[in-house]
C-alpha cells in the first residue's frame, strides 16, 4: 500500500505540481486548498505525511500545524512556503521540516523520503 501525502496549498498550480511529482514517486496524494479543508480531510484520510503552506487565506498554515500536531503528534509535517522569514517563527519549530518553495523539488522529495522511513 502506498504512503499518503496530504498537500495543503491555496495555489492550484503548486498542488497540481506536487500531486504529479509525488504520484510519480509512488505516493497517494490528497489535495486541500485551505486549512479548514485540510483538517476535515486529515481526520478522514489519516495521511502519513503533510506538506503544508504557511500563507493561506483564512486559517494559516501555522494554525493548521498546531491542530494537526494536537490530533496526531507523530504525523510528520513539512512546512512549505515561498518566504524564508517564517523559519524564525517559533511555531514553525513544531514542524518536522521547513522547505522554501522552489521549482526544483529535490530537497522536498528527499525530506519526504527521510521522514517516511
PDB file of N, CA and C in Angstrom:
ATOM      1  N   UNK A   1       0.841  -1.186   0.000  1.00  0.00           N
ATOM      2  CA  UNK A   1       0.000   0.000   0.000  1.00  0.00           C
ATOM      3  C   UNK A   1       0.884   1.246   0.000  1.00  0.00           C
ATOM      4  N   UNK A   2       0.574   2.185  -0.869  1.00  0.00           N
ATOM      5  CA  UNK A   2       1.413   3.377  -0.959  1.00  0.00           C
ATOM      6  C   UNK A   2       1.124   4.324   0.204  1.00  0.00           C
ATOM      7  N   UNK A   3       2.132   5.092   0.553  1.00  0.00           N
ATOM      8  CA  UNK A   3       2.007   6.089   1.615  1.00  0.00           C
ATOM      9  C   UNK A   3       1.179   7.260   1.092  1.00  0.00           C
ATOM     10  N   UNK A   4       0.405   7.870   2.015  1.00  0.00           N
ATOM     11  CA  UNK A   4      -0.452   9.002   1.649  1.00  0.00           C
ATOM     12  C   UNK A   4       0.186  10.310   2.081  1.00  0.00           C
ATOM     13  N   UNK A   5       0.260  11.241   1.142  1.00  0.00           N
ATOM     14  CA  UNK A   5       0.756  12.588   1.419  1.00  0.00           C
ATOM     15  C   UNK A   5      -0.378  13.568   1.203  1.00  0.00           C
ATOM     16  N   UNK A   6      -0.608  14.401   2.206  1.00  0.00           N
ATOM     17  CA  UNK A   6      -1.593  15.478   2.073  1.00  0.00           C
ATOM     18  C   UNK A   6      -0.850  16.753   1.690  1.00  0.00           C
ATOM     19  N   UNK A   7      -1.285  17.392   0.603  1.00  0.00           N
ATOM     20  CA  UNK A   7      -0.707  18.652   0.144  1.00  0.00           C
ATOM     21  C   UNK A   7      -1.738  19.749   0.406  1.00  0.00           C
ATOM     22  N   UNK A   8      -1.342  20.730   1.235  1.00  0.00           N
ATOM     23  CA  UNK A   8      -2.241  21.836   1.584  1.00  0.00           C
ATOM     24  C   UNK A   8      -1.622  23.131   1.067  1.00  0.00           C
ATOM     25  N   UNK A   9      -2.238  23.707   0.039  1.00  0.00           N
ATOM     26  CA  UNK A   9      -1.728  24.942  -0.553  1.00  0.00           C
ATOM     27  C   UNK A   9      -2.871  25.646  -1.269  1.00  0.00           C
ATOM     28  N   UNK A  10      -2.959  26.961  -1.099  1.00  0.00           N
ATOM     29  CA  UNK A  10      -4.051  27.703  -1.740  1.00  0.00           C
ATOM     30  C   UNK A  10      -3.792  27.930  -3.225  1.00  0.00           C
ATOM     31  N   UNK A  11      -2.572  27.671  -3.695  1.00  0.00           N
ATOM     32  CA  UNK A  11      -2.253  27.846  -5.116  1.00  0.00           C
ATOM     33  C   UNK A  11      -2.460  26.523  -5.855  1.00  0.00           C
ATOM     34  N   UNK A  12      -3.413  26.530  -6.786  1.00  0.00           N
ATOM     35  CA  UNK A  12      -3.737  25.312  -7.526  1.00  0.00           C
ATOM     36  C   UNK A  12      -2.532  24.775  -8.301  1.00  0.00           C
ATOM     37  N   UNK A  13      -1.728  25.657  -8.891  1.00  0.00           N
ATOM     38  CA  UNK A  13      -0.564  25.216  -9.673  1.00  0.00           C
ATOM     39  C   UNK A  13       0.418  24.425  -8.810  1.00  0.00           C
ATOM     40  N   UNK A  14       0.614  24.870  -7.575  1.00  0.00           N
ATOM     41  CA  UNK A  14       1.515  24.157  -6.656  1.00  0.00           C
ATOM     42  C   UNK A  14       0.934  22.792  -6.316  1.00  0.00           C
ATOM     43  N   UNK A  15      -0.363  22.757  -6.000  1.00  0.00           N
ATOM     44  CA  UNK A  15      -0.997  21.464  -5.670  1.00  0.00           C
ATOM     45  C   UNK A  15      -0.863  20.484  -6.827  1.00  0.00           C
ATOM     46  N   UNK A  16      -1.112  20.951  -8.049  1.00  0.00           N
ATOM     47  CA  UNK A  16      -1.018  20.072  -9.218  1.00  0.00           C
ATOM     48  C   UNK A  16       0.412  19.590  -9.453  1.00  0.00           C
ATOM     49  N   UNK A  17       1.368  20.481  -9.306  1.00  0.00           N
ATOM     50  CA  UNK A  17       2.775  20.113  -9.483  1.00  0.00           C
ATOM     51  C   UNK A  17       3.173  19.050  -8.454  1.00  0.00           C
ATOM     52  N   UNK A  18       2.871  19.311  -7.179  1.00  0.00           N
ATOM     53  CA  UNK A  18       3.230  18.362  -6.127  1.00  0.00           C
ATOM     54  C   UNK A  18       2.523  17.028  -6.342  1.00  0.00           C
ATOM     55  N   UNK A  19       1.239  17.082  -6.699  1.00  0.00           N
ATOM     56  CA  UNK A  19       0.475  15.843  -6.922  1.00  0.00           C
ATOM     57  C   UNK A  19       1.136  14.996  -8.005  1.00  0.00           C
ATOM     58  N   UNK A  20       1.441  15.627  -9.125  1.00  0.00           N
ATOM     59  CA  UNK A  20       2.051  14.904 -10.233  1.00  0.00           C
ATOM     60  C   UNK A  20       3.413  14.325  -9.831  1.00  0.00           C
ATOM     61  N   UNK A  21       4.238  15.147  -9.205  1.00  0.00           N
ATOM     62  CA  UNK A  21       5.584  14.716  -8.816  1.00  0.00           C
ATOM     63  C   UNK A  21       5.538  13.592  -7.771  1.00  0.00           C
ATOM     64  N   UNK A  22       4.680  13.734  -6.764  1.00  0.00           N
ATOM     65  CA  UNK A  22       4.630  12.734  -5.690  1.00  0.00           C
ATOM     66  C   UNK A  22       3.998  11.434  -6.174  1.00  0.00           C
ATOM     67  N   UNK A  23       3.001  11.532  -7.051  1.00  0.00           N
ATOM     68  CA  UNK A  23       2.409  10.308  -7.601  1.00  0.00           C
ATOM     69  C   UNK A  23       3.429   9.565  -8.459  1.00  0.00           C
ATOM     70  N   UNK A  24       4.292  10.308  -9.167  1.00  0.00           N
ATOM     71  CA  UNK A  24       5.370   9.681  -9.938  1.00  0.00           C
ATOM     72  C   UNK A  24       6.332   8.918  -9.022  1.00  0.00           C
ATOM     73  N   UNK A  25       6.429   9.366  -7.766  1.00  0.00           N
ATOM     74  CA  UNK A  25       7.297   8.703  -6.788  1.00  0.00           C
ATOM     75  C   UNK A  25       6.587   7.519  -6.114  1.00  0.00           C
ATOM     76  N   UNK A  26       5.303   7.322  -6.449  1.00  0.00           N
ATOM     77  CA  UNK A  26       4.565   6.183  -5.913  1.00  0.00           C
ATOM     78  C   UNK A  26       3.665   6.486  -4.729  1.00  0.00           C
ATOM     79  N   UNK A  27       3.509   7.752  -4.381  1.00  0.00           N
ATOM     80  CA  UNK A  27       2.653   8.133  -3.253  1.00  0.00           C
ATOM     81  C   UNK A  27       1.213   8.380  -3.710  1.00  0.00           C
ATOM     82  N   UNK A  28       0.287   8.224  -2.787  1.00  0.00           N
ATOM     83  CA  UNK A  28      -1.089   8.653  -2.992  1.00  0.00           C
ATOM     84  C   UNK A  28      -1.168  10.088  -2.475  1.00  0.00           C
ATOM     85  N   UNK A  29      -1.800  10.985  -3.229  1.00  0.00           N
ATOM     86  CA  UNK A  29      -1.827  12.405  -2.847  1.00  0.00           C
ATOM     87  C   UNK A  29      -3.252  12.867  -2.575  1.00  0.00           C
ATOM     88  N   UNK A  30      -3.416  13.545  -1.442  1.00  0.00           N
ATOM     89  CA  UNK A  30      -4.686  14.162  -1.054  1.00  0.00           C
ATOM     90  C   UNK A  30      -4.448  15.667  -1.143  1.00  0.00           C
ATOM     91  N   UNK A  31      -5.272  16.364  -1.944  1.00  0.00           N
ATOM     92  CA  UNK A  31      -5.102  17.817  -2.115  1.00  0.00           C
ATOM     93  C   UNK A  31      -6.111  18.595  -1.274  1.00  0.00           C
ATOM     94  N   UNK A  32      -5.637  19.701  -0.684  1.00  0.00           N
ATOM     95  CA  UNK A  32      -6.514  20.609   0.059  1.00  0.00           C
ATOM     96  C   UNK A  32      -6.110  22.039  -0.283  1.00  0.00           C
ATOM     97  N   UNK A  33      -7.123  22.898  -0.492  1.00  0.00           N
ATOM     98  CA  UNK A  33      -6.799  24.277  -0.876  1.00  0.00           C
ATOM     99  C   UNK A  33      -6.808  25.248   0.294  1.00  0.00           C
ATOM    100  N   UNK A  34      -7.203  24.781   1.493  1.00  0.00           N
ATOM    101  CA  UNK A  34      -7.175  25.675   2.660  1.00  0.00           C
ATOM    102  C   UNK A  34      -7.093  24.853   3.943  1.00  0.00           C
ATOM    103  N   UNK A  35      -6.890  25.559   5.040  1.00  0.00           N
ATOM    104  CA  UNK A  35      -6.717  24.895   6.324  1.00  0.00           C
ATOM    105  C   UNK A  35      -7.934  24.149   6.808  1.00  0.00           C
ATOM    106  N   UNK A  36      -9.100  24.733   6.611  1.00  0.00           N
ATOM    107  CA  UNK A  36     -10.337  24.086   7.065  1.00  0.00           C
ATOM    108  C   UNK A  36     -10.531  22.748   6.361  1.00  0.00           C
ATOM    109  N   UNK A  37     -10.339  22.744   5.033  1.00  0.00           N
ATOM    110  CA  UNK A  37     -10.472  21.507   4.259  1.00  0.00           C
ATOM    111  C   UNK A  37      -9.423  20.487   4.715  1.00  0.00           C
ATOM    112  N   UNK A  38      -8.220  20.961   4.993  1.00  0.00           N
ATOM    113  CA  UNK A  38      -7.137  20.071   5.419  1.00  0.00           C
ATOM    114  C   UNK A  38      -7.487  19.364   6.724  1.00  0.00           C
ATOM    115  N   UNK A  39      -8.007  20.096   7.684  1.00  0.00           N
ATOM    116  CA  UNK A  39      -8.337  19.480   8.971  1.00  0.00           C
ATOM    117  C   UNK A  39      -9.471  18.472   8.831  1.00  0.00           C
ATOM    118  N   UNK A  40     -10.440  18.798   7.991  1.00  0.00           N
ATOM    119  CA  UNK A  40     -11.554  17.884   7.747  1.00  0.00           C
ATOM    120  C   UNK A  40     -11.044  16.588   7.098  1.00  0.00           C
ATOM    121  N   UNK A  41     -10.233  16.720   6.054  1.00  0.00           N
ATOM    122  CA  UNK A  41      -9.721  15.544   5.338  1.00  0.00           C
ATOM    123  C   UNK A  41      -8.680  14.785   6.172  1.00  0.00           C
ATOM    124  N   UNK A  42      -7.941  15.498   7.014  1.00  0.00           N
ATOM    125  CA  UNK A  42      -6.920  14.852   7.835  1.00  0.00           C
ATOM    126  C   UNK A  42      -7.552  13.775   8.720  1.00  0.00           C
ATOM    127  N   UNK A  43      -8.699  14.111   9.316  1.00  0.00           N
ATOM    128  CA  UNK A  43      -9.389  13.159  10.196  1.00  0.00           C
ATOM    129  C   UNK A  43      -9.843  11.922   9.429  1.00  0.00           C
ATOM    130  N   UNK A  44     -10.343  12.122   8.201  1.00  0.00           N
ATOM    131  CA  UNK A  44     -10.885  11.012   7.406  1.00  0.00           C
ATOM    132  C   UNK A  44      -9.784  10.188   6.743  1.00  0.00           C
ATOM    133  N   UNK A  45      -8.828  10.866   6.136  1.00  0.00           N
ATOM    134  CA  UNK A  45      -7.832  10.209   5.285  1.00  0.00           C
ATOM    135  C   UNK A  45      -6.630   9.648   6.048  1.00  0.00           C
ATOM    136  N   UNK A  46      -6.319  10.239   7.208  1.00  0.00           N
ATOM    137  CA  UNK A  46      -5.161   9.841   8.010  1.00  0.00           C
ATOM    138  C   UNK A  46      -3.879   9.710   7.167  1.00  0.00           C
ATOM    139  N   UNK A  47      -3.425  10.835   6.607  1.00  0.00           N
ATOM    140  CA  UNK A  47      -2.225  10.785   5.763  1.00  0.00           C
ATOM    141  C   UNK A  47      -0.980  10.409   6.572  1.00  0.00           C
ATOM    142  N   UNK A  48       0.018   9.883   5.873  1.00  0.00           N
ATOM    143  CA  UNK A  48       1.279   9.519   6.511  1.00  0.00           C
ATOM    144  C   UNK A  48       2.193  10.724   6.693  1.00  0.00           C
ATOM    145  N   UNK A  49       1.938  11.785   5.903  1.00  0.00           N
ATOM    146  CA  UNK A  49       2.771  12.987   5.948  1.00  0.00           C
ATOM    147  C   UNK A  49       1.962  14.144   5.367  1.00  0.00           C
ATOM    148  N   UNK A  50       2.227  15.368   5.849  1.00  0.00           N
ATOM    149  CA  UNK A  50       1.531  16.559   5.354  1.00  0.00           C
ATOM    150  C   UNK A  50       2.565  17.565   4.868  1.00  0.00           C
ATOM    151  N   UNK A  51       2.351  18.088   3.651  1.00  0.00           N
ATOM    152  CA  UNK A  51       3.136  19.211   3.123  1.00  0.00           C
ATOM    153  C   UNK A  51       2.198  20.415   3.199  1.00  0.00           C
ATOM    154  N   UNK A  52       2.587  21.401   4.006  1.00  0.00           N
ATOM    155  CA  UNK A  52       1.670  22.462   4.407  1.00  0.00           C
ATOM    156  C   UNK A  52       2.222  23.847   4.096  1.00  0.00           C
ATOM    157  N   UNK A  53       1.477  24.614   3.306  1.00  0.00           N
ATOM    158  CA  UNK A  53       1.817  26.014   3.031  1.00  0.00           C
ATOM    159  C   UNK A  53       1.531  26.828   4.290  1.00  0.00           C
ATOM    160  N   UNK A  54       2.267  27.907   4.491  1.00  0.00           N
ATOM    161  CA  UNK A  54       2.031  28.753   5.675  1.00  0.00           C
ATOM    162  C   UNK A  54       1.032  29.862   5.360  1.00  0.00           C
ATOM    163  N   UNK A  55       1.303  30.640   4.301  1.00  0.00           N
ATOM    164  CA  UNK A  55       0.496  31.818   3.995  1.00  0.00           C
ATOM    165  C   UNK A  55      -0.698  31.431   3.130  1.00  0.00           C
ATOM    166  N   UNK A  56      -1.845  31.254   3.800  1.00  0.00           N
ATOM    167  CA  UNK A  56      -3.090  30.928   3.092  1.00  0.00           C
ATOM    168  C   UNK A  56      -4.197  31.818   3.632  1.00  0.00           C
ATOM    169  N   UNK A  57      -5.195  32.119   2.795  1.00  0.00           N
ATOM    170  CA  UNK A  57      -6.323  32.904   3.301  1.00  0.00           C
ATOM    171  C   UNK A  57      -7.098  32.088   4.332  1.00  0.00           C
ATOM    172  N   UNK A  58      -7.742  32.785   5.258  1.00  0.00           N
ATOM    173  CA  UNK A  58      -8.477  32.080   6.309  1.00  0.00           C
ATOM    174  C   UNK A  58      -7.504  31.571   7.345  1.00  0.00           C
ATOM    175  N   UNK A  59      -7.576  30.285   7.641  1.00  0.00           N
ATOM    176  CA  UNK A  59      -6.706  29.674   8.634  1.00  0.00           C
ATOM    177  C   UNK A  59      -5.284  29.555   8.087  1.00  0.00           C
ATOM    178  N   UNK A  60      -4.314  30.058   8.826  1.00  0.00           N
ATOM    179  CA  UNK A  60      -2.922  29.988   8.361  1.00  0.00           C
ATOM    180  C   UNK A  60      -2.372  28.576   8.528  1.00  0.00           C
ATOM    181  N   UNK A  61      -1.315  28.298   7.808  1.00  0.00           N
ATOM    182  CA  UNK A  61      -0.658  27.006   7.922  1.00  0.00           C
ATOM    183  C   UNK A  61      -0.140  26.738   9.327  1.00  0.00           C
ATOM    184  N   UNK A  62       0.254  27.808  10.036  1.00  0.00           N
ATOM    185  CA  UNK A  62       0.741  27.627  11.405  1.00  0.00           C
ATOM    186  C   UNK A  62      -0.390  27.162  12.323  1.00  0.00           C
ATOM    187  N   UNK A  63      -1.603  27.694  12.112  1.00  0.00           N
ATOM    188  CA  UNK A  63      -2.755  27.241  12.897  1.00  0.00           C
ATOM    189  C   UNK A  63      -3.072  25.779  12.589  1.00  0.00           C
ATOM    190  N   UNK A  64      -3.010  25.431  11.313  1.00  0.00           N
ATOM    191  CA  UNK A  64      -3.280  24.051  10.888  1.00  0.00           C
ATOM    192  C   UNK A  64      -2.226  23.113  11.484  1.00  0.00           C
ATOM    193  N   UNK A  65      -0.970  23.538  11.455  1.00  0.00           N
ATOM    194  CA  UNK A  65       0.118  22.743  12.027  1.00  0.00           C
ATOM    195  C   UNK A  65      -0.175  22.403  13.489  1.00  0.00           C
ATOM    196  N   UNK A  66      -0.554  23.412  14.257  1.00  0.00           N
ATOM    197  CA  UNK A  66      -0.851  23.190  15.677  1.00  0.00           C
ATOM    198  C   UNK A  66      -1.965  22.185  15.877  1.00  0.00           C
ATOM    199  N   UNK A  67      -3.018  22.303  15.099  1.00  0.00           N
ATOM    200  CA  UNK A  67      -4.165  21.401  15.227  1.00  0.00           C
ATOM    201  C   UNK A  67      -3.813  19.974  14.793  1.00  0.00           C
ATOM    202  N   UNK A  68      -3.034  19.841  13.714  1.00  0.00           N
ATOM    203  CA  UNK A  68      -2.614  18.502  13.269  1.00  0.00           C
ATOM    204  C   UNK A  68      -1.769  17.834  14.347  1.00  0.00           C
ATOM    205  N   UNK A  69      -0.855  18.581  14.939  1.00  0.00           N
ATOM    206  CA  UNK A  69       0.022  18.009  15.965  1.00  0.00           C
ATOM    207  C   UNK A  69      -0.764  17.659  17.241  1.00  0.00           C
ATOM    208  N   UNK A  70      -1.862  18.379  17.515  1.00  0.00           N
ATOM    209  CA  UNK A  70      -2.737  18.007  18.641  1.00  0.00           C
ATOM    210  C   UNK A  70      -3.434  16.683  18.351  1.00  0.00           C
ATOM    211  N   UNK A  71      -3.926  16.529  17.120  1.00  0.00           N
ATOM    212  CA  UNK A  71      -4.672  15.336  16.715  1.00  0.00           C
ATOM    213  C   UNK A  71      -3.734  14.137  16.602  1.00  0.00           C
ATOM    214  N   UNK A  72      -2.587  14.346  15.955  1.00  0.00           N
ATOM    215  CA  UNK A  72      -1.679  13.236  15.636  1.00  0.00           C
ATOM    216  C   UNK A  72      -0.224  13.711  15.750  1.00  0.00           C
ATOM    217  N   UNK A  73       0.320  13.727  16.968  1.00  0.00           N
ATOM    218  CA  UNK A  73       1.670  14.273  17.186  1.00  0.00           C
ATOM    219  C   UNK A  73       2.769  13.607  16.366  1.00  0.00           C
ATOM    220  N   UNK A  74       2.568  12.357  15.961  1.00  0.00           N
ATOM    221  CA  UNK A  74       3.627  11.640  15.253  1.00  0.00           C
ATOM    222  C   UNK A  74       3.557  11.750  13.733  1.00  0.00           C
ATOM    223  N   UNK A  75       2.511  12.375  13.196  1.00  0.00           N
ATOM    224  CA  UNK A  75       2.431  12.555  11.743  1.00  0.00           C
ATOM    225  C   UNK A  75       3.413  13.653  11.339  1.00  0.00           C
ATOM    226  N   UNK A  76       4.380  13.332  10.462  1.00  0.00           N
ATOM    227  CA  UNK A  76       5.338  14.358  10.039  1.00  0.00           C
ATOM    228  C   UNK A  76       4.663  15.457   9.217  1.00  0.00           C
ATOM    229  N   UNK A  77       5.056  16.709   9.501  1.00  0.00           N
ATOM    230  CA  UNK A  77       4.543  17.860   8.760  1.00  0.00           C
ATOM    231  C   UNK A  77       5.732  18.656   8.237  1.00  0.00           C
ATOM    232  N   UNK A  78       5.717  18.904   6.927  1.00  0.00           N
ATOM    233  CA  UNK A  78       6.733  19.743   6.296  1.00  0.00           C
ATOM    234  C   UNK A  78       6.083  21.077   5.962  1.00  0.00           C
ATOM    235  N   UNK A  79       6.613  22.143   6.530  1.00  0.00           N
ATOM    236  CA  UNK A  79       6.133  23.477   6.188  1.00  0.00           C
ATOM    237  C   UNK A  79       6.799  23.870   4.876  1.00  0.00           C
ATOM    238  N   UNK A  80       5.980  24.311   3.934  1.00  0.00           N
ATOM    239  CA  UNK A  80       6.471  24.668   2.607  1.00  0.00           C
ATOM    240  C   UNK A  80       5.973  26.065   2.296  1.00  0.00           C
ATOM    241  N   UNK A  81       6.896  26.993   2.123  1.00  0.00           N
ATOM    242  CA  UNK A  81       6.489  28.369   1.894  1.00  0.00           C
ATOM    243  C   UNK A  81       7.438  29.076   0.940  1.00  0.00           C
ATOM    244  N   UNK A  82       6.953  30.120   0.327  1.00  0.00           N
ATOM    245  CA  UNK A  82       7.793  30.928  -0.560  1.00  0.00           C
ATOM    246  C   UNK A  82       8.640  31.921   0.230  1.00  0.00           C
ATOM    247  N   UNK A  83       8.394  32.033   1.539  1.00  0.00           N
ATOM    248  CA  UNK A  83       9.035  33.066   2.359  1.00  0.00           C
ATOM    249  C   UNK A  83       9.939  32.442   3.416  1.00  0.00           C
ATOM    250  N   UNK A  84      11.229  32.710   3.326  1.00  0.00           N
ATOM    251  CA  UNK A  84      12.179  32.121   4.270  1.00  0.00           C
ATOM    252  C   UNK A  84      12.078  32.739   5.666  1.00  0.00           C
ATOM    253  N   UNK A  85      11.514  33.943   5.807  1.00  0.00           N
ATOM    254  CA  UNK A  85      11.481  34.596   7.115  1.00  0.00           C
ATOM    255  C   UNK A  85      10.599  33.851   8.128  1.00  0.00           C
ATOM    256  N   UNK A  86       9.682  33.018   7.650  1.00  0.00           N
ATOM    257  CA  UNK A  86       8.850  32.259   8.584  1.00  0.00           C
ATOM    258  C   UNK A  86       9.665  31.267   9.399  1.00  0.00           C
ATOM    259  N   UNK A  87      10.843  30.914   8.918  1.00  0.00           N
ATOM    260  CA  UNK A  87      11.672  29.940   9.631  1.00  0.00           C
ATOM    261  C   UNK A  87      12.019  30.441  11.034  1.00  0.00           C
ATOM    262  N   UNK A  88      12.011  31.752  11.226  1.00  0.00           N
ATOM    263  CA  UNK A  88      12.315  32.324  12.536  1.00  0.00           C
ATOM    264  C   UNK A  88      11.100  32.296  13.473  1.00  0.00           C
ATOM    265  N   UNK A  89       9.937  32.002  12.948  1.00  0.00           N
ATOM    266  CA  UNK A  89       8.724  31.973  13.742  1.00  0.00           C
ATOM    267  C   UNK A  89       8.739  30.745  14.654  1.00  0.00           C
ATOM    268  N   UNK A  90       8.558  30.969  15.929  1.00  0.00           N
ATOM    269  CA  UNK A  90       8.596  29.899  16.927  1.00  0.00           C
ATOM    270  C   UNK A  90       7.680  28.729  16.558  1.00  0.00           C
ATOM    271  N   UNK A  91       6.513  29.023  16.018  1.00  0.00           N
ATOM    272  CA  UNK A  91       5.543  27.963  15.718  1.00  0.00           C
ATOM    273  C   UNK A  91       6.037  26.993  14.639  1.00  0.00           C
ATOM    274  N   UNK A  92       6.915  27.442  13.753  1.00  0.00           N
ATOM    275  CA  UNK A  92       7.416  26.532  12.717  1.00  0.00           C
ATOM    276  C   UNK A  92       8.323  25.463  13.317  1.00  0.00           C
ATOM    277  N   UNK A  93       8.809  25.687  14.529  1.00  0.00           N
ATOM    278  CA  UNK A  93       9.693  24.714  15.172  1.00  0.00           C
ATOM    279  C   UNK A  93       8.963  23.413  15.490  1.00  0.00           C
ATOM    280  N   UNK A  94       7.649  23.459  15.547  1.00  0.00           N
ATOM    281  CA  UNK A  94       6.842  22.268  15.811  1.00  0.00           C
ATOM    282  C   UNK A  94       6.854  21.344  14.590  1.00  0.00           C
ATOM    283  N   UNK A  95       7.068  21.917  13.414  1.00  0.00           N
ATOM    284  CA  UNK A  95       7.082  21.131  12.170  1.00  0.00           C
ATOM    285  C   UNK A  95       8.309  20.221  12.141  1.00  0.00           C
ATOM    286  N   UNK A  96       8.211  19.167  11.365  1.00  0.00           N
ATOM    287  CA  UNK A  96       9.323  18.227  11.234  1.00  0.00           C
ATOM    288  C   UNK A  96      10.362  18.715  10.232  1.00  0.00           C
ATOM    289  N   UNK A  97       9.978  19.628   9.360  1.00  0.00           N
ATOM    290  CA  UNK A  97      10.906  20.201   8.388  1.00  0.00           C
ATOM    291  C   UNK A  97      10.322  21.505   7.860  1.00  0.00           C
ATOM    292  N   UNK A  98      11.197  22.313   7.293  1.00  0.00           N
ATOM    293  CA  UNK A  98      10.818  23.611   6.740  1.00  0.00           C
ATOM    294  C   UNK A  98      11.534  23.744   5.403  1.00  0.00           C
ATOM    295  N   UNK A  99      10.774  23.839   4.332  1.00  0.00           N
ATOM    296  CA  UNK A  99      11.340  23.908   2.981  1.00  0.00           C
ATOM    297  C   UNK A  99      10.826  25.183   2.305  1.00  0.00           C
ATOM    298  N   UNK A 100      11.750  25.963   1.736  1.00  0.00           N
ATOM    299  CA  UNK A 100      11.355  27.126   0.952  1.00  0.00           C
ATOM    300  C   UNK A 100      11.014  26.617  -0.452  1.00  0.00           C
ATOM    301  N   UNK A 101       9.831  27.005  -0.950  1.00  0.00           N
ATOM    302  CA  UNK A 101       9.363  26.542  -2.259  1.00  0.00           C
ATOM    303  C   UNK A 101      10.382  26.871  -3.349  1.00  0.00           C
ATOM    304  N   UNK A 102      10.513  25.913  -4.261  1.00  0.00           N
ATOM    305  CA  UNK A 102      11.454  26.057  -5.366  1.00  0.00           C
ATOM    306  C   UNK A 102      10.934  25.222  -6.525  1.00  0.00           C
ATOM    307  N   UNK A 103      11.257  25.623  -7.769  1.00  0.00           N
ATOM    308  CA  UNK A 103      10.865  24.778  -8.913  1.00  0.00           C
ATOM    309  C   UNK A 103      11.578  23.415  -8.876  1.00  0.00           C
ATOM    310  N   UNK A 104      12.717  23.356  -8.172  1.00  0.00           N
ATOM    311  CA  UNK A 104      13.446  22.105  -8.011  1.00  0.00           C
ATOM    312  C   UNK A 104      12.936  21.423  -6.739  1.00  0.00           C
ATOM    313  N   UNK A 105      12.256  20.308  -6.912  1.00  0.00           N
ATOM    314  CA  UNK A 105      11.641  19.624  -5.769  1.00  0.00           C
ATOM    315  C   UNK A 105      12.547  18.579  -5.126  1.00  0.00           C
ATOM    316  N   UNK A 106      13.822  18.557  -5.486  1.00  0.00           N
ATOM    317  CA  UNK A 106      14.743  17.552  -4.961  1.00  0.00           C
ATOM    318  C   UNK A 106      14.798  17.567  -3.441  1.00  0.00           C
ATOM    319  N   UNK A 107      14.988  18.741  -2.851  1.00  0.00           N
ATOM    320  CA  UNK A 107      15.100  18.842  -1.389  1.00  0.00           C
ATOM    321  C   UNK A 107      13.803  18.377  -0.712  1.00  0.00           C
ATOM    322  N   UNK A 108      12.680  18.776  -1.240  1.00  0.00           N
ATOM    323  CA  UNK A 108      11.388  18.380  -0.676  1.00  0.00           C
ATOM    324  C   UNK A 108      11.205  16.869  -0.770  1.00  0.00           C
ATOM    325  N   UNK A 109      11.497  16.297  -1.919  1.00  0.00           N
ATOM    326  CA  UNK A 109      11.347  14.843  -2.106  1.00  0.00           C
ATOM    327  C   UNK A 109      12.273  14.066  -1.172  1.00  0.00           C
ATOM    328  N   UNK A 110      13.504  14.555  -1.012  1.00  0.00           N
ATOM    329  CA  UNK A 110      14.441  13.878  -0.113  1.00  0.00           C
ATOM    330  C   UNK A 110      13.949  13.920   1.324  1.00  0.00           C
ATOM    331  N   UNK A 111      13.406  15.048   1.734  1.00  0.00           N
ATOM    332  CA  UNK A 111      12.900  15.191   3.101  1.00  0.00           C
ATOM    333  C   UNK A 111      11.698  14.287   3.323  1.00  0.00           C
ATOM    334  N   UNK A 112      10.814  14.186   2.332  1.00  0.00           N
ATOM    335  CA  UNK A 112       9.653  13.292   2.442  1.00  0.00           C
ATOM    336  C   UNK A 112      10.124  11.851   2.610  1.00  0.00           C
ATOM    337  N   UNK A 113      11.051  11.440   1.765  1.00  0.00           N
ATOM    338  CA  UNK A 113      11.570  10.069   1.846  1.00  0.00           C
ATOM    339  C   UNK A 113      12.185   9.790   3.226  1.00  0.00           C
ATOM    340  N   UNK A 114      12.952  10.748   3.711  1.00  0.00           N
ATOM    341  CA  UNK A 114      13.598  10.612   5.027  1.00  0.00           C
ATOM    342  C   UNK A 114      12.558  10.483   6.152  1.00  0.00           C
ATOM    343  N   UNK A 115      11.542  11.332   6.118  1.00  0.00           N
ATOM    344  CA  UNK A 115      10.535  11.329   7.187  1.00  0.00           C
ATOM    345  C   UNK A 115       9.616  10.117   7.147  1.00  0.00           C
ATOM    346  N   UNK A 116       9.450   9.508   5.978  1.00  0.00           N
ATOM    347  CA  UNK A 116       8.549   8.358   5.862  1.00  0.00           C
ATOM    348  C   UNK A 116       9.257   7.024   6.085  1.00  0.00           C
ATOM    349  N   UNK A 117      10.553   7.037   6.319  1.00  0.00           N
ATOM    350  CA  UNK A 117      11.284   5.782   6.583  1.00  0.00           C
ATOM    351  C   UNK A 117      10.981   5.251   7.957  1.00  0.00           C
TER     352      UNK A 117
END
